Protein backbone atom coordinates (compact mmCIF):
# COMPACT_ATOMS: atom_id res chain seq x y z
CA MET A 1 199.69 -19.35 83.46
CA ASN A 2 198.91 -17.70 86.73
CA ALA A 3 197.23 -14.33 86.87
CA PRO A 4 199.54 -11.59 88.14
CA ILE A 5 199.25 -10.51 91.74
CA LEU A 6 199.23 -6.78 92.40
CA TYR A 7 200.10 -5.75 95.95
CA VAL A 8 198.60 -2.37 96.80
CA LYS A 9 197.80 -0.05 99.69
CA ALA A 10 194.39 1.61 99.84
CA GLY A 11 194.72 5.30 99.03
CA CYS A 12 198.03 4.94 97.19
CA PRO A 13 197.87 7.02 93.97
CA TYR A 14 200.54 4.90 92.28
CA CYS A 15 198.53 1.78 93.06
CA ALA A 16 195.38 3.37 91.63
CA ALA A 17 197.27 4.28 88.45
CA ALA A 18 198.61 0.72 88.13
CA MET A 19 195.14 -0.79 88.56
CA GLU A 20 193.67 1.64 86.02
CA TYR A 21 196.44 0.81 83.54
CA LEU A 22 195.88 -2.94 83.89
CA ASP A 23 192.09 -2.57 83.77
CA GLN A 24 192.22 -0.47 80.60
CA ARG A 25 194.30 -3.15 78.91
CA GLN A 26 192.02 -5.91 80.20
CA ILE A 27 194.84 -7.65 82.04
CA ALA A 28 193.27 -9.75 84.79
CA TYR A 29 195.06 -9.67 88.11
CA GLU A 30 194.56 -10.51 91.75
CA LYS A 31 194.63 -7.43 93.98
CA VAL A 32 196.06 -7.84 97.46
CA ASP A 33 195.71 -4.83 99.78
CA VAL A 34 198.50 -5.08 102.36
CA ARG A 35 197.33 -2.17 104.52
CA GLY A 36 195.97 -3.65 107.73
CA ASP A 37 196.79 -7.22 106.65
CA ASP A 38 199.92 -8.38 108.45
CA LEU A 39 200.13 -11.69 106.58
CA ALA A 40 199.86 -10.01 103.18
CA MET A 41 202.50 -7.44 104.20
CA GLU A 42 204.86 -10.23 105.30
CA LYS A 43 204.33 -11.99 101.95
CA LEU A 44 205.09 -8.73 100.11
CA LYS A 45 208.30 -8.29 102.10
CA GLU A 46 209.27 -11.92 101.44
CA ILE A 47 208.68 -11.57 97.70
CA SER A 48 210.20 -8.15 97.10
CA ASN A 49 212.47 -7.47 100.10
CA GLN A 50 210.59 -4.22 100.76
CA SER A 51 207.17 -2.96 101.83
CA LYS A 52 206.44 -0.41 99.10
CA THR A 53 203.56 -0.62 96.67
CA PRO A 54 202.54 -1.12 94.00
CA THR A 55 204.35 -4.39 93.51
CA LEU A 56 203.44 -6.80 90.73
CA VAL A 57 204.32 -10.50 90.73
CA TRP A 58 203.78 -12.44 87.52
CA ASP A 59 205.10 -15.92 86.79
CA GLY A 60 207.85 -15.52 89.37
CA GLN A 61 208.98 -12.11 88.13
CA VAL A 62 208.70 -9.20 90.55
CA LEU A 63 208.28 -5.52 89.72
CA ALA A 64 208.47 -3.60 92.99
CA ASN A 65 207.59 0.00 93.81
CA PHE A 66 206.97 1.01 90.20
CA GLY A 67 205.53 3.75 88.05
CA ILE A 68 203.57 3.35 84.82
CA GLU A 69 206.67 3.56 82.58
CA ASP A 70 208.25 0.73 84.56
CA LEU A 71 205.02 -1.27 84.26
CA GLU A 72 204.91 -0.76 80.48
CA ARG A 73 208.48 -2.08 80.11
CA PHE A 74 207.78 -5.02 82.44
CA LEU A 75 204.64 -6.01 80.54
CA ALA A 76 206.38 -5.68 77.16
CA GLN A 77 209.17 -7.98 78.38
CA HIS A 78 206.67 -10.37 79.93
CA GLN A 79 204.64 -10.60 76.72
CA THR A 80 207.72 -11.37 74.59
CA ALA A 81 208.94 -13.99 77.09
CA ARG A 82 205.77 -16.06 76.60
């Protein structure tokens, strides 16, 4: 299984909350900061059809522009799908 990829923008409070949530639950992830990185931003747009963060990609599933409640539901569904 691949580790999830979390697309963020430095200074984004929603991104900080998402990282804190994942860290507290010891869910390893790769953080990709798209601010100032044109290639990473293009990849984010390709994956999610938008440029908003946070966006989480895990095993081909995409959760774009989310809040913590959305993340909780996504993770619960992801855990049961394994």
